Amino acid sequence: MAWRSSAGWPWRLFGFTPPYDVFISYRRKNASELAQLLRRELEDRGLHVFLDVRELGAGPFDEQLLQRIARATDFIVILTPGCLDECRRPSDWLTTEIGHAFDTGRNVVPVAVGGFECPPAQQLPPALVELPRQWVRYEHEFSDESIERVYRMLRSRRRGPLGTVGRERMRWGSALMRQLRWVAIAVGVLFLIAIGAAVLQQSSRAPTPPFTGAAAVSPFQNAQLWCCDLGGFKRCPIVMNAGPPGSPCLCPGQGTGFTCR
């Protein structure tokens, strides 16, 4: 399906590991094919499935796997004949995975294959005592029915056809769109503020407005023409280069006005 390649992209966008609907745990020796089949079938039903295909028999247990188990809704463990024979070894990773699923409250769904029989409880380590005795018995001749029974036992299917991560992805997409809208609004507001500031700055460079302050008494009291302010009050006499009444004039130290009688 097309969405698989982009599953969990909002999480990876910010450097986080996306959660999974289902974590599949199994012994690589006898259950690899069934694990791959379950993964494909569940993904075709819209779930986000984690399947580890690496060999973890040597070295420290991968802490990232524990984190993925803790964040998955469902935990499927494939039980094949003899798969629990080594479960008492301290380094057994299958036991570690199952025990961590119980410790973190995952929905554990055992899938028994072939002639698997669970050992008596006294032969199991404490981590596996809670292993359910009611398993989904997978039968190759009725694989479709078996996989459907597995699907019906998953809690993540109840979240809708998109599963947990699909809905989470939709929520992240909606939240991202809302944030983008707010960013666009903020950019628009800043643009308007910048335009307003430019207009104010341009208006501050306009010619000096008409004077309004009082002028000192001039000795030319009998002059016929005066430079008046906008209110028509005489501010200073005009003795040279006087234009007709109403023409611009200048009083030193006070600004411009218009010629009046």
C-alpha atoms as a PDB file:
ATOM      1  CA  MET A   1       0.000   0.000   0.000  1.00  0.00           C
ATOM      2  CA  ALA A   2       1.172   3.520  -0.778  1.00  0.00           C
ATOM      3  CA  TRP A   3       0.999   4.764   2.797  1.00  0.00           C
ATOM      4  CA  ARG A   4       3.572   2.286   4.075  1.00  0.00           C
ATOM      5  CA  SER A   5       6.519   4.248   2.733  1.00  0.00           C
ATOM      6  CA  SER A   6       5.369   7.350   4.595  1.00  0.00           C
ATOM      7  CA  ALA A   7       4.024   5.759   7.763  1.00  0.00           C
ATOM      8  CA  GLY A   8       4.881   7.816  10.791  1.00  0.00           C
ATOM      9  CA  TRP A   9       6.405  10.688   8.763  1.00  0.00           C
ATOM     10  CA  PRO A  10       5.285  13.399  11.236  1.00  0.00           C
ATOM     11  CA  TRP A  11       7.238  11.626  13.980  1.00  0.00           C
ATOM     12  CA  ARG A  12      10.383  11.233  11.872  1.00  0.00           C
ATOM     13  CA  LEU A  13      10.094  14.859  10.782  1.00  0.00           C
ATOM     14  CA  PHE A  14      10.931  15.888  14.336  1.00  0.00           C
ATOM     15  CA  GLY A  15      13.416  13.090  15.009  1.00  0.00           C
ATOM     16  CA  PHE A  16      11.097  10.685  16.896  1.00  0.00           C
ATOM     17  CA  THR A  17      10.461   6.979  16.345  1.00  0.00           C
ATOM     18  CA  PRO A  18       6.835   6.409  15.315  1.00  0.00           C
ATOM     19  CA  PRO A  19       4.721   4.057  17.466  1.00  0.00           C
ATOM     20  CA  TYR A  20       3.443   0.771  16.053  1.00  0.00           C
ATOM     21  CA  ASP A  21       0.079  -0.913  16.189  1.00  0.00           C
ATOM     22  CA  VAL A  22       1.577  -4.397  16.356  1.00  0.00           C
ATOM     23  CA  PHE A  23       4.960  -5.847  17.365  1.00  0.00           C
ATOM     24  CA  ILE A  24       5.650  -9.401  16.129  1.00  0.00           C
ATOM     25  CA  SER A  25       8.051 -11.547  18.157  1.00  0.00           C
ATOM     26  CA  TYR A  26       9.252 -14.958  16.930  1.00  0.00           C
ATOM     27  CA  ARG A  27      12.146 -17.414  16.693  1.00  0.00           C
ATOM     28  CA  ARG A  28      13.887 -16.828  13.372  1.00  0.00           C
ATOM     29  CA  LYS A  29      14.640 -20.512  12.962  1.00  0.00           C
ATOM     30  CA  ASN A  30      11.103 -21.826  12.432  1.00  0.00           C
ATOM     31  CA  ALA A  31       8.695 -18.881  12.184  1.00  0.00           C
ATOM     32  CA  SER A  32      10.175 -16.352   9.742  1.00  0.00           C
ATOM     33  CA  GLU A  33       7.764 -17.127   6.893  1.00  0.00           C
ATOM     34  CA  LEU A  34       4.685 -16.926   9.108  1.00  0.00           C
ATOM     35  CA  ALA A  35       5.938 -13.680  10.668  1.00  0.00           C
ATOM     36  CA  GLN A  36       6.328 -12.115   7.216  1.00  0.00           C
ATOM     37  CA  LEU A  37       2.881 -13.363   6.191  1.00  0.00           C
ATOM     38  CA  LEU A  38       1.256 -11.888   9.314  1.00  0.00           C
ATOM     39  CA  ARG A  39       2.994  -8.599   8.709  1.00  0.00           C
ATOM     40  CA  ARG A  40       1.739  -8.332   5.125  1.00  0.00           C
ATOM     41  CA  GLU A  41      -1.809  -9.340   6.022  1.00  0.00           C
ATOM     42  CA  LEU A  42      -2.083  -6.912   8.930  1.00  0.00           C
ATOM     43  CA  GLU A  43      -0.565  -4.057   6.947  1.00  0.00           C
ATOM     44  CA  ASP A  44      -3.081  -4.761   4.181  1.00  0.00           C
ATOM     45  CA  ARG A  45      -5.734  -4.209   6.860  1.00  0.00           C
ATOM     46  CA  GLY A  46      -4.274  -0.767   7.590  1.00  0.00           C
ATOM     47  CA  LEU A  47      -2.155  -1.515  10.677  1.00  0.00           C
ATOM     48  CA  HIS A  48       1.418  -0.381  11.278  1.00  0.00           C
ATOM     49  CA  VAL A  49       3.458  -3.513  12.087  1.00  0.00           C
ATOM     50  CA  PHE A  50       7.004  -3.840  13.405  1.00  0.00           C
ATOM     51  CA  LEU A  51       8.914  -6.989  12.489  1.00  0.00           C
ATOM     52  CA  ASP A  52      12.566  -7.279  13.450  1.00  0.00           C
ATOM     53  CA  VAL A  53      14.462  -9.325  10.868  1.00  0.00           C
ATOM     54  CA  ARG A  54      17.913  -9.105  12.436  1.00  0.00           C
ATOM     55  CA  GLU A  55      19.609 -11.883  14.325  1.00  0.00           C
ATOM     56  CA  LEU A  56      19.920 -10.854  17.972  1.00  0.00           C
ATOM     57  CA  GLY A  57      21.500 -13.988  19.355  1.00  0.00           C
ATOM     58  CA  ALA A  58      24.781 -12.258  20.226  1.00  0.00           C
ATOM     59  CA  GLY A  59      25.570  -9.009  21.980  1.00  0.00           C
ATOM     60  CA  PRO A  60      23.492  -6.885  24.347  1.00  0.00           C
ATOM     61  CA  PHE A  61      19.739  -6.790  23.850  1.00  0.00           C
ATOM     62  CA  ASP A  62      18.650  -3.932  21.668  1.00  0.00           C
ATOM     63  CA  GLU A  63      17.083  -1.234  23.863  1.00  0.00           C
ATOM     64  CA  GLN A  64      15.297   0.211  20.849  1.00  0.00           C
ATOM     65  CA  LEU A  65      13.298  -3.000  20.535  1.00  0.00           C
ATOM     66  CA  LEU A  66      12.123  -2.634  24.131  1.00  0.00           C
ATOM     67  CA  GLN A  67      11.010   0.908  23.363  1.00  0.00           C
ATOM     68  CA  ARG A  68       9.091  -0.261  20.299  1.00  0.00           C
ATOM     69  CA  ILE A  69       7.381  -2.992  22.329  1.00  0.00           C
ATOM     70  CA  ALA A  70       6.379  -0.487  25.015  1.00  0.00           C
ATOM     71  CA  ARG A  71       4.840   1.834  22.418  1.00  0.00           C
ATOM     72  CA  ALA A  72       2.959  -0.820  20.439  1.00  0.00           C
ATOM     73  CA  THR A  73      -0.699  -1.524  21.180  1.00  0.00           C
ATOM     74  CA  ASP A  74      -0.539  -5.261  20.467  1.00  0.00           C
ATOM     75  CA  PHE A  75       2.215  -7.844  20.892  1.00  0.00           C
ATOM     76  CA  ILE A  76       2.020 -10.997  18.774  1.00  0.00           C
ATOM     77  CA  VAL A  77       4.317 -13.872  19.737  1.00  0.00           C
ATOM     78  CA  ILE A  78       4.597 -16.830  17.367  1.00  0.00           C
ATOM     79  CA  LEU A  79       4.991 -20.080  19.313  1.00  0.00           C
ATOM     80  CA  THR A  80       6.565 -22.955  17.405  1.00  0.00           C
ATOM     81  CA  PRO A  81       7.445 -26.408  18.768  1.00  0.00           C
ATOM     82  CA  GLY A  82      10.462 -26.120  21.078  1.00  0.00           C
ATOM     83  CA  CYS A  83      10.605 -22.313  20.968  1.00  0.00           C
ATOM     84  CA  LEU A  84      10.440 -22.102  24.797  1.00  0.00           C
ATOM     85  CA  ASP A  85      13.108 -24.756  25.460  1.00  0.00           C
ATOM     86  CA  GLU A  86      15.748 -22.076  26.054  1.00  0.00           C
ATOM     87  CA  CYS A  87      13.502 -19.604  27.820  1.00  0.00           C
ATOM     88  CA  ARG A  88      15.283 -20.039  31.164  1.00  0.00           C
ATOM     89  CA  ARG A  89      18.575 -18.733  29.786  1.00  0.00           C
ATOM     90  CA  PRO A  90      19.168 -15.192  31.165  1.00  0.00           C
ATOM     91  CA  SER A  91      20.164 -13.941  27.716  1.00  0.00           C
ATOM     92  CA  ASP A  92      17.176 -15.392  25.874  1.00  0.00           C
ATOM     93  CA  TRP A  93      15.793 -12.475  23.877  1.00  0.00           C
ATOM     94  CA  LEU A  94      12.387 -14.073  23.159  1.00  0.00           C
ATOM     95  CA  THR A  95      11.747 -14.336  26.892  1.00  0.00           C
ATOM     96  CA  THR A  96      12.914 -10.745  27.310  1.00  0.00           C
ATOM     97  CA  GLU A  97      10.510  -9.499  24.655  1.00  0.00           C
ATOM     98  CA  ILE A  98       7.518 -11.407  26.043  1.00  0.00           C
ATOM     99  CA  GLY A  99       8.284 -10.352  29.615  1.00  0.00           C
ATOM    100  CA  HIS A 100       8.626  -6.699  28.579  1.00  0.00           C
ATOM    101  CA  ALA A 101       5.276  -6.882  26.771  1.00  0.00           C
ATOM    102  CA  PHE A 102       3.618  -8.065  29.990  1.00  0.00           C
ATOM    103  CA  ASP A 103       5.467  -5.503  32.135  1.00  0.00           C
ATOM    104  CA  THR A 104       4.311  -2.623  29.930  1.00  0.00           C
ATOM    105  CA  GLY A 105       0.700  -3.793  29.681  1.00  0.00           C
ATOM    106  CA  ARG A 106       0.641  -4.721  25.986  1.00  0.00           C
ATOM    107  CA  ASN A 107      -2.154  -6.867  24.566  1.00  0.00           C
ATOM    108  CA  VAL A 108      -0.310 -10.193  24.178  1.00  0.00           C
ATOM    109  CA  VAL A 109      -1.665 -12.450  21.418  1.00  0.00           C
ATOM    110  CA  PRO A 110       0.050 -15.880  21.216  1.00  0.00           C
ATOM    111  CA  VAL A 111      -0.126 -17.646  17.854  1.00  0.00           C
ATOM    112  CA  ALA A 112       0.605 -21.369  18.134  1.00  0.00           C
ATOM    113  CA  VAL A 113       1.957 -23.203  15.103  1.00  0.00           C
ATOM    114  CA  GLY A 114       2.080 -26.920  14.362  1.00  0.00           C
ATOM    115  CA  GLY A 115       2.343 -29.146  17.396  1.00  0.00           C
ATOM    116  CA  PHE A 116       3.355 -26.479  19.894  1.00  0.00           C
ATOM    117  CA  GLU A 117       2.590 -27.392  23.473  1.00  0.00           C
ATOM    118  CA  CYS A 118       3.305 -25.010  26.328  1.00  0.00           C
ATOM    119  CA  PRO A 119       5.558 -26.434  29.059  1.00  0.00           C
ATOM    120  CA  PRO A 120       4.150 -26.696  32.591  1.00  0.00           C
ATOM    121  CA  ALA A 121       4.118 -23.448  34.551  1.00  0.00           C
ATOM    122  CA  GLN A 122       6.847 -24.669  36.941  1.00  0.00           C
ATOM    123  CA  GLN A 123       9.195 -25.059  33.976  1.00  0.00           C
ATOM    124  CA  LEU A 124       8.669 -21.481  32.801  1.00  0.00           C
ATOM    125  CA  PRO A 125      10.565 -18.434  34.034  1.00  0.00           C
ATOM    126  CA  PRO A 126       8.542 -15.813  35.967  1.00  0.00           C
ATOM    127  CA  ALA A 127       8.370 -13.587  32.886  1.00  0.00           C
ATOM    128  CA  LEU A 128       6.318 -16.217  31.007  1.00  0.00           C
ATOM    129  CA  VAL A 129       3.977 -17.416  33.764  1.00  0.00           C
ATOM    130  CA  GLU A 130       1.305 -15.000  32.530  1.00  0.00           C
ATOM    131  CA  LEU A 131       1.457 -16.402  28.998  1.00  0.00           C
ATOM    132  CA  PRO A 132      -2.194 -17.027  28.036  1.00  0.00           C
ATOM    133  CA  ARG A 133      -3.240 -20.620  27.629  1.00  0.00           C
ATOM    134  CA  GLN A 134      -5.792 -19.673  24.992  1.00  0.00           C
ATOM    135  CA  TRP A 135      -3.855 -19.252  21.758  1.00  0.00           C
ATOM    136  CA  VAL A 136      -4.788 -18.628  18.178  1.00  0.00           C
ATOM    137  CA  ARG A 137      -3.934 -21.894  16.482  1.00  0.00           C
ATOM    138  CA  TYR A 138      -2.543 -21.148  13.035  1.00  0.00           C
ATOM    139  CA  GLU A 139      -3.305 -23.824  10.449  1.00  0.00           C
ATOM    140  CA  HIS A 140      -1.767 -23.584   7.014  1.00  0.00           C
ATOM    141  CA  GLU A 141      -4.800 -25.191   5.346  1.00  0.00           C
ATOM    142  CA  PHE A 142      -7.017 -22.461   6.811  1.00  0.00           C
ATOM    143  CA  SER A 143      -4.569 -19.568   6.787  1.00  0.00           C
ATOM    144  CA  ASP A 144      -7.170 -16.902   5.941  1.00  0.00           C
ATOM    145  CA  GLU A 145      -9.414 -17.931   8.840  1.00  0.00           C
ATOM    146  CA  SER A 146      -6.427 -18.174  11.179  1.00  0.00           C
ATOM    147  CA  ILE A 147      -5.168 -14.701  10.313  1.00  0.00           C
ATOM    148  CA  GLU A 148      -8.682 -13.297  10.680  1.00  0.00           C
ATOM    149  CA  ARG A 149      -8.850 -14.760  14.209  1.00  0.00           C
ATOM    150  CA  VAL A 150      -5.529 -13.080  15.005  1.00  0.00           C
ATOM    151  CA  TYR A 151      -6.835  -9.781  13.642  1.00  0.00           C
ATOM    152  CA  ARG A 152      -9.998  -9.963  15.763  1.00  0.00           C
ATOM    153  CA  MET A 153      -7.906 -10.304  18.926  1.00  0.00           C
ATOM    154  CA  LEU A 154      -5.993  -7.068  18.291  1.00  0.00           C
ATOM    155  CA  ARG A 155      -6.967  -3.961  20.210  1.00  0.00           C
ATOM    156  CA  SER A 156      -5.537  -1.648  17.569  1.00  0.00           C
ATOM    157  CA  ARG A 157      -8.157  -2.760  15.024  1.00  0.00           C
ATOM    158  CA  ARG A 158     -10.830  -1.099  17.203  1.00  0.00           C
ATOM    159  CA  ARG A 159      -9.339   2.304  16.458  1.00  0.00           C
ATOM    160  CA  GLY A 160     -10.708   2.211  12.946  1.00  0.00           C
ATOM    161  CA  PRO A 161      -9.440   1.066   9.548  1.00  0.00           C
ATOM    162  CA  LEU A 162      -6.317   3.198   9.861  1.00  0.00           C
ATOM    163  CA  GLY A 163      -5.171   1.728  13.156  1.00  0.00           C
ATOM    164  CA  THR A 164      -3.358   3.617  15.893  1.00  0.00           C
ATOM    165  CA  VAL A 165      -0.604   5.112  13.782  1.00  0.00           C
ATOM    166  CA  GLY A 166      -2.858   6.002  10.873  1.00  0.00           C
ATOM    167  CA  ARG A 167      -5.080   8.049  13.144  1.00  0.00           C
ATOM    168  CA  GLU A 168      -2.041   9.488  14.866  1.00  0.00           C
ATOM    169  CA  ARG A 169      -0.688  10.471  11.475  1.00  0.00           C
ATOM    170  CA  MET A 170      -3.986  12.163  10.621  1.00  0.00           C
ATOM    171  CA  ARG A 171      -3.938  14.073  13.916  1.00  0.00           C
ATOM    172  CA  TRP A 172      -0.360  15.173  13.284  1.00  0.00           C
ATOM    173  CA  GLY A 173      -1.290  16.217   9.744  1.00  0.00           C
ATOM    174  CA  SER A 174      -4.261  18.239  10.991  1.00  0.00           C
ATOM    175  CA  ALA A 175      -2.177  19.845  13.718  1.00  0.00           C
ATOM    176  CA  LEU A 176       0.552  20.626  11.188  1.00  0.00           C
ATOM    177  CA  MET A 177      -1.967  22.276   8.870  1.00  0.00           C
ATOM    178  CA  ARG A 178      -3.314  24.346  11.755  1.00  0.00           C
ATOM    179  CA  GLN A 179       0.191  25.451  12.660  1.00  0.00           C
ATOM    180  CA  LEU A 180       0.919  26.325   9.039  1.00  0.00           C
ATOM    181  CA  ARG A 181      -2.217  28.446   8.942  1.00  0.00           C
ATOM    182  CA  TRP A 182      -1.119  30.297  12.093  1.00  0.00           C
ATOM    183  CA  VAL A 183       2.331  30.798  10.584  1.00  0.00           C
ATOM    184  CA  ALA A 184       0.747  32.240   7.431  1.00  0.00           C
ATOM    185  CA  ILE A 185      -1.397  34.596   9.539  1.00  0.00           C
ATOM    186  CA  ALA A 186       1.652  35.705  11.547  1.00  0.00           C
ATOM    187  CA  VAL A 187       3.638  36.343   8.363  1.00  0.00           C
ATOM    188  CA  GLY A 188       0.724  38.369   6.972  1.00  0.00           C
ATOM    189  CA  VAL A 189       0.500  40.470  10.141  1.00  0.00           C
ATOM    190  CA  LEU A 190       4.247  41.105  10.101  1.00  0.00           C
ATOM    191  CA  PHE A 191       4.018  42.104   6.435  1.00  0.00           C
ATOM    192  CA  LEU A 192       1.259  44.618   7.194  1.00  0.00           C
ATOM    193  CA  ILE A 193       3.257  46.017  10.112  1.00  0.00           C
ATOM    194  CA  ALA A 194       6.281  46.441   7.853  1.00  0.00           C
ATOM    195  CA  ILE A 195       4.171  48.226   5.230  1.00  0.00           C
ATOM    196  CA  GLY A 196       2.714  50.521   7.895  1.00  0.00           C
ATOM    197  CA  ALA A 197       6.158  51.323   9.258  1.00  0.00           C
ATOM    198  CA  ALA A 198       7.401  52.155   5.748  1.00  0.00           C
ATOM    199  CA  VAL A 199       4.450  54.497   5.170  1.00  0.00           C
ATOM    200  CA  LEU A 200       5.058  56.255   8.488  1.00  0.00           C
ATOM    201  CA  GLN A 201       8.736  56.608   7.718  1.00  0.00           C
ATOM    202  CA  GLN A 202       7.955  58.067   4.310  1.00  0.00           C
ATOM    203  CA  SER A 203       5.456  60.519   5.776  1.00  0.00           C
ATOM    204  CA  SER A 204       8.035  61.692   8.308  1.00  0.00           C
ATOM    205  CA  ARG A 205      10.143  62.960   5.397  1.00  0.00           C
ATOM    206  CA  ALA A 206       7.394  65.341   4.134  1.00  0.00           C
ATOM    207  CA  PRO A 207       8.004  69.153   4.006  1.00  0.00           C
ATOM    208  CA  THR A 208       7.926  71.027   7.290  1.00  0.00           C
ATOM    209  CA  PRO A 209       4.286  71.618   8.317  1.00  0.00           C
ATOM    210  CA  PRO A 210       2.964  75.156   8.704  1.00  0.00           C
ATOM    211  CA  PHE A 211       4.206  76.866  11.858  1.00  0.00           C
ATOM    212  CA  THR A 212       1.942  77.233  14.859  1.00  0.00           C
ATOM    213  CA  GLY A 213       4.280  78.731  17.450  1.00  0.00           C
ATOM    214  CA  ALA A 214       4.211  82.350  18.531  1.00  0.00           C
ATOM    215  CA  ALA A 215       6.631  84.756  16.885  1.00  0.00           C
ATOM    216  CA  ALA A 216       8.541  87.600  18.451  1.00  0.00           C
ATOM    217  CA  VAL A 217       7.187  91.070  17.887  1.00  0.00           C
ATOM    218  CA  SER A 218       8.705  92.488  14.727  1.00  0.00           C
ATOM    219  CA  PRO A 219       9.754  96.107  14.386  1.00  0.00           C
ATOM    220  CA  PHE A 220       7.959  96.218  11.028  1.00  0.00           C
ATOM    221  CA  GLN A 221       4.490  96.687  12.514  1.00  0.00           C
ATOM    222  CA  ASN A 222       3.284  98.895   9.660  1.00  0.00           C
ATOM    223  CA  ALA A 223       4.207  96.463   6.862  1.00  0.00           C
ATOM    224  CA  GLN A 224       1.326  95.778   4.552  1.00  0.00           C
ATOM    225  CA  LEU A 225       1.968  92.041   3.963  1.00  0.00           C
ATOM    226  CA  TRP A 226       2.448  89.400   6.673  1.00  0.00           C
ATOM    227  CA  CYS A 227       3.295  85.723   6.806  1.00  0.00           C
ATOM    228  CA  CYS A 228       0.346  84.131   8.579  1.00  0.00           C
ATOM    229  CA  ASP A 229      -0.206  80.638   9.987  1.00  0.00           C
ATOM    230  CA  LEU A 230      -3.084  78.374   8.971  1.00  0.00           C
ATOM    231  CA  GLY A 231      -5.333  80.051  11.497  1.00  0.00           C
ATOM    232  CA  GLY A 232      -4.842  83.425   9.833  1.00  0.00           C
ATOM    233  CA  PHE A 233      -2.763  84.887  12.644  1.00  0.00           C
ATOM    234  CA  LYS A 234       0.119  87.165  11.665  1.00  0.00           C
ATOM    235  CA  ARG A 235       3.521  85.813  12.615  1.00  0.00           C
ATOM    236  CA  CYS A 236       6.110  87.949  10.864  1.00  0.00           C
ATOM    237  CA  PRO A 237       6.074  90.833   8.351  1.00  0.00           C
ATOM    238  CA  ILE A 238       7.186  90.349   4.786  1.00  0.00           C
ATOM    239  CA  VAL A 239       9.377  93.166   3.509  1.00  0.00           C
ATOM    240  CA  MET A 240      11.075  91.592   0.483  1.00  0.00           C
ATOM    241  CA  ASN A 241      10.041  89.294  -2.364  1.00  0.00           C
ATOM    242  CA  ALA A 242       6.485  89.174  -1.152  1.00  0.00           C
ATOM    243  CA  GLY A 243       4.109  87.173  -3.310  1.00  0.00           C
ATOM    244  CA  PRO A 244       0.397  87.835  -3.666  1.00  0.00           C
ATOM    245  CA  PRO A 245      -1.838  87.044  -0.681  1.00  0.00           C
ATOM    246  CA  GLY A 246      -2.246  83.280  -0.273  1.00  0.00           C
ATOM    247  CA  SER A 247       1.185  82.448  -1.677  1.00  0.00           C
ATOM    248  CA  PRO A 248       3.705  80.468   0.464  1.00  0.00           C
ATOM    249  CA  CYS A 249       5.983  82.391   2.756  1.00  0.00           C
ATOM    250  CA  LEU A 250       8.533  81.669   5.473  1.00  0.00           C
ATOM    251  CA  CYS A 251       9.102  83.020   8.964  1.00  0.00           C
ATOM    252  CA  PRO A 252      12.639  82.217  10.123  1.00  0.00           C
ATOM    253  CA  GLY A 253      12.655  79.727  12.957  1.00  0.00           C
ATOM    254  CA  GLN A 254       8.894  79.157  12.761  1.00  0.00           C
ATOM    255  CA  GLY A 255       8.222  77.381   9.490  1.00  0.00           C
ATOM    256  CA  THR A 256       6.107  78.048   6.444  1.00  0.00           C
ATOM    257  CA  GLY A 257       2.792  79.864   6.125  1.00  0.00           C
ATOM    258  CA  PHE A 258       0.935  81.933   3.548  1.00  0.00           C
ATOM    259  CA  THR A 259       0.974  85.581   2.654  1.00  0.00           C
ATOM    260  CA  CYS A 260      -1.805  87.684   4.117  1.00  0.00           C
ATOM    261  CA  ARG A 261      -2.656  91.324   4.758  1.00  0.00           C
END
